[in-house]
């Protein structure tokens, strides 16, 4: 009886969806904290948000949709595919 071992790419594909959802959850939490904070704490929370969204865009581009914000022209909206909720991300960070 032969055992079937998964390849590295198969393992990555299997965890990619969960990882992308966790990164978006982290970005949403940091965004919420930033909105309730001031000063250095606010900037630190936004840095966490931008780091999480940047990882999503750069490492899992097939899992996200980017669209320009027509009001805040210096930002794009990053959202996971098949969702209607996104977060703003500075265009300069792309």
C-alpha atoms as a PDB file:
ATOM      1  CA  UNK A   1       0.000   0.000   0.000  1.00  0.00           C
ATOM      2  CA  UNK A   2       1.675   3.159  -1.216  1.00  0.00           C
ATOM      3  CA  UNK A   3       1.344   6.327   0.786  1.00  0.00           C
ATOM      4  CA  UNK A   4       0.575   9.524  -1.066  1.00  0.00           C
ATOM      5  CA  UNK A   5       2.663  12.417   0.227  1.00  0.00           C
ATOM      6  CA  UNK A   6       1.690  15.954  -0.568  1.00  0.00           C
ATOM      7  CA  UNK A   7       4.163  18.151  -2.371  1.00  0.00           C
ATOM      8  CA  UNK A   8       5.250  21.446  -0.898  1.00  0.00           C
ATOM      9  CA  UNK A   9       3.129  23.382  -3.419  1.00  0.00           C
ATOM     10  CA  UNK A  10       0.072  21.284  -2.564  1.00  0.00           C
ATOM     11  CA  UNK A  11       0.543  22.041   1.113  1.00  0.00           C
ATOM     12  CA  UNK A  12       0.909  25.760   0.362  1.00  0.00           C
ATOM     13  CA  UNK A  13      -2.258  25.776  -1.721  1.00  0.00           C
ATOM     14  CA  UNK A  14      -4.109  24.075   1.115  1.00  0.00           C
ATOM     15  CA  UNK A  15      -3.209  26.695   3.718  1.00  0.00           C
ATOM     16  CA  UNK A  16      -3.298  29.775   1.486  1.00  0.00           C
ATOM     17  CA  UNK A  17      -7.024  30.465   1.946  1.00  0.00           C
ATOM     18  CA  UNK A  18      -6.797  30.290   5.733  1.00  0.00           C
ATOM     19  CA  UNK A  19      -3.645  32.434   5.772  1.00  0.00           C
ATOM     20  CA  UNK A  20      -5.236  35.109   3.599  1.00  0.00           C
ATOM     21  CA  UNK A  21      -8.302  35.212   5.852  1.00  0.00           C
ATOM     22  CA  UNK A  22      -6.095  35.489   8.941  1.00  0.00           C
ATOM     23  CA  UNK A  23      -4.107  38.360   7.397  1.00  0.00           C
ATOM     24  CA  UNK A  24      -7.328  40.221   6.564  1.00  0.00           C
ATOM     25  CA  UNK A  25      -8.609  39.607  10.093  1.00  0.00           C
ATOM     26  CA  UNK A  26      -5.351  41.010  11.491  1.00  0.00           C
ATOM     27  CA  UNK A  27      -5.636  44.074   9.234  1.00  0.00           C
ATOM     28  CA  UNK A  28      -9.256  44.682  10.295  1.00  0.00           C
ATOM     29  CA  UNK A  29      -8.376  44.394  13.976  1.00  0.00           C
ATOM     30  CA  UNK A  30      -5.444  46.795  13.588  1.00  0.00           C
ATOM     31  CA  UNK A  31      -7.684  49.213  11.668  1.00  0.00           C
ATOM     32  CA  UNK A  32     -10.248  49.163  14.465  1.00  0.00           C
ATOM     33  CA  UNK A  33      -7.564  49.785  17.079  1.00  0.00           C
ATOM     34  CA  UNK A  34      -6.088  52.624  15.040  1.00  0.00           C
ATOM     35  CA  UNK A  35      -9.460  54.354  14.828  1.00  0.00           C
ATOM     36  CA  UNK A  36      -9.747  54.271  18.641  1.00  0.00           C
ATOM     37  CA  UNK A  37      -6.151  55.335  19.357  1.00  0.00           C
ATOM     38  CA  UNK A  38      -4.075  58.492  19.119  1.00  0.00           C
ATOM     39  CA  UNK A  39      -0.461  59.393  18.525  1.00  0.00           C
ATOM     40  CA  UNK A  40       2.211  56.719  18.356  1.00  0.00           C
ATOM     41  CA  UNK A  41      -0.223  53.912  19.160  1.00  0.00           C
ATOM     42  CA  UNK A  42      -2.372  54.914  16.211  1.00  0.00           C
ATOM     43  CA  UNK A  43       0.599  54.976  13.865  1.00  0.00           C
ATOM     44  CA  UNK A  44       1.759  51.577  15.133  1.00  0.00           C
ATOM     45  CA  UNK A  45      -1.695  50.088  14.545  1.00  0.00           C
ATOM     46  CA  UNK A  46      -1.804  51.480  11.006  1.00  0.00           C
ATOM     47  CA  UNK A  47       1.685  50.064  10.394  1.00  0.00           C
ATOM     48  CA  UNK A  48       0.385  46.605  11.367  1.00  0.00           C
ATOM     49  CA  UNK A  49      -2.622  47.075   9.058  1.00  0.00           C
ATOM     50  CA  UNK A  50      -0.451  48.143   6.125  1.00  0.00           C
ATOM     51  CA  UNK A  51       1.971  45.284   6.769  1.00  0.00           C
ATOM     52  CA  UNK A  52      -0.819  42.710   6.711  1.00  0.00           C
ATOM     53  CA  UNK A  53      -2.440  44.176   3.593  1.00  0.00           C
ATOM     54  CA  UNK A  54       0.939  44.492   1.885  1.00  0.00           C
ATOM     55  CA  UNK A  55       1.630  40.818   2.525  1.00  0.00           C
ATOM     56  CA  UNK A  56      -1.747  39.908   1.064  1.00  0.00           C
ATOM     57  CA  UNK A  57      -1.156  41.947  -2.078  1.00  0.00           C
ATOM     58  CA  UNK A  58       2.428  40.828  -2.650  1.00  0.00           C
ATOM     59  CA  UNK A  59       2.318  37.179  -1.597  1.00  0.00           C
ATOM     60  CA  UNK A  60      -1.258  36.180  -2.471  1.00  0.00           C
ATOM     61  CA  UNK A  61      -2.340  38.383  -5.390  1.00  0.00           C
ATOM     62  CA  UNK A  62      -4.727  35.724  -6.709  1.00  0.00           C
ATOM     63  CA  UNK A  63      -6.741  35.929  -3.481  1.00  0.00           C
ATOM     64  CA  UNK A  64      -7.362  39.697  -3.472  1.00  0.00           C
ATOM     65  CA  UNK A  65      -9.114  42.306  -5.568  1.00  0.00           C
ATOM     66  CA  UNK A  66      -7.686  45.821  -5.800  1.00  0.00           C
ATOM     67  CA  UNK A  67      -9.815  48.742  -6.859  1.00  0.00           C
ATOM     68  CA  UNK A  68      -9.177  52.453  -6.911  1.00  0.00           C
ATOM     69  CA  UNK A  69     -11.032  54.600  -4.431  1.00  0.00           C
ATOM     70  CA  UNK A  70     -12.693  57.404  -6.380  1.00  0.00           C
ATOM     71  CA  UNK A  71     -12.852  59.707  -3.341  1.00  0.00           C
ATOM     72  CA  UNK A  72      -9.501  58.999  -1.660  1.00  0.00           C
ATOM     73  CA  UNK A  73      -7.364  58.992  -4.789  1.00  0.00           C
ATOM     74  CA  UNK A  74      -4.134  58.141  -2.933  1.00  0.00           C
ATOM     75  CA  UNK A  75      -5.608  54.816  -1.797  1.00  0.00           C
ATOM     76  CA  UNK A  76      -6.776  51.538  -3.231  1.00  0.00           C
ATOM     77  CA  UNK A  77      -9.273  49.227  -1.599  1.00  0.00           C
ATOM     78  CA  UNK A  78      -7.964  45.731  -0.885  1.00  0.00           C
ATOM     79  CA  UNK A  79     -10.558  43.022  -0.428  1.00  0.00           C
ATOM     80  CA  UNK A  80     -10.511  39.273  -0.402  1.00  0.00           C
ATOM     81  CA  UNK A  81     -12.221  37.772  -3.410  1.00  0.00           C
ATOM     82  CA  UNK A  82     -15.868  36.793  -2.880  1.00  0.00           C
ATOM     83  CA  UNK A  83     -16.336  39.383  -0.125  1.00  0.00           C
ATOM     84  CA  UNK A  84     -17.779  42.874  -0.203  1.00  0.00           C
ATOM     85  CA  UNK A  85     -15.617  44.256   2.575  1.00  0.00           C
ATOM     86  CA  UNK A  86     -12.274  45.893   1.928  1.00  0.00           C
ATOM     87  CA  UNK A  87      -9.733  48.118   3.604  1.00  0.00           C
ATOM     88  CA  UNK A  88      -7.890  51.160   2.304  1.00  0.00           C
ATOM     89  CA  UNK A  89      -4.232  50.757   1.410  1.00  0.00           C
ATOM     90  CA  UNK A  90      -1.941  53.596   0.257  1.00  0.00           C
ATOM     91  CA  UNK A  91      -1.044  53.378  -3.422  1.00  0.00           C
ATOM     92  CA  UNK A  92       2.499  54.432  -2.583  1.00  0.00           C
ATOM     93  CA  UNK A  93       2.958  51.149  -0.650  1.00  0.00           C
ATOM     94  CA  UNK A  94       2.229  49.004  -3.716  1.00  0.00           C
END
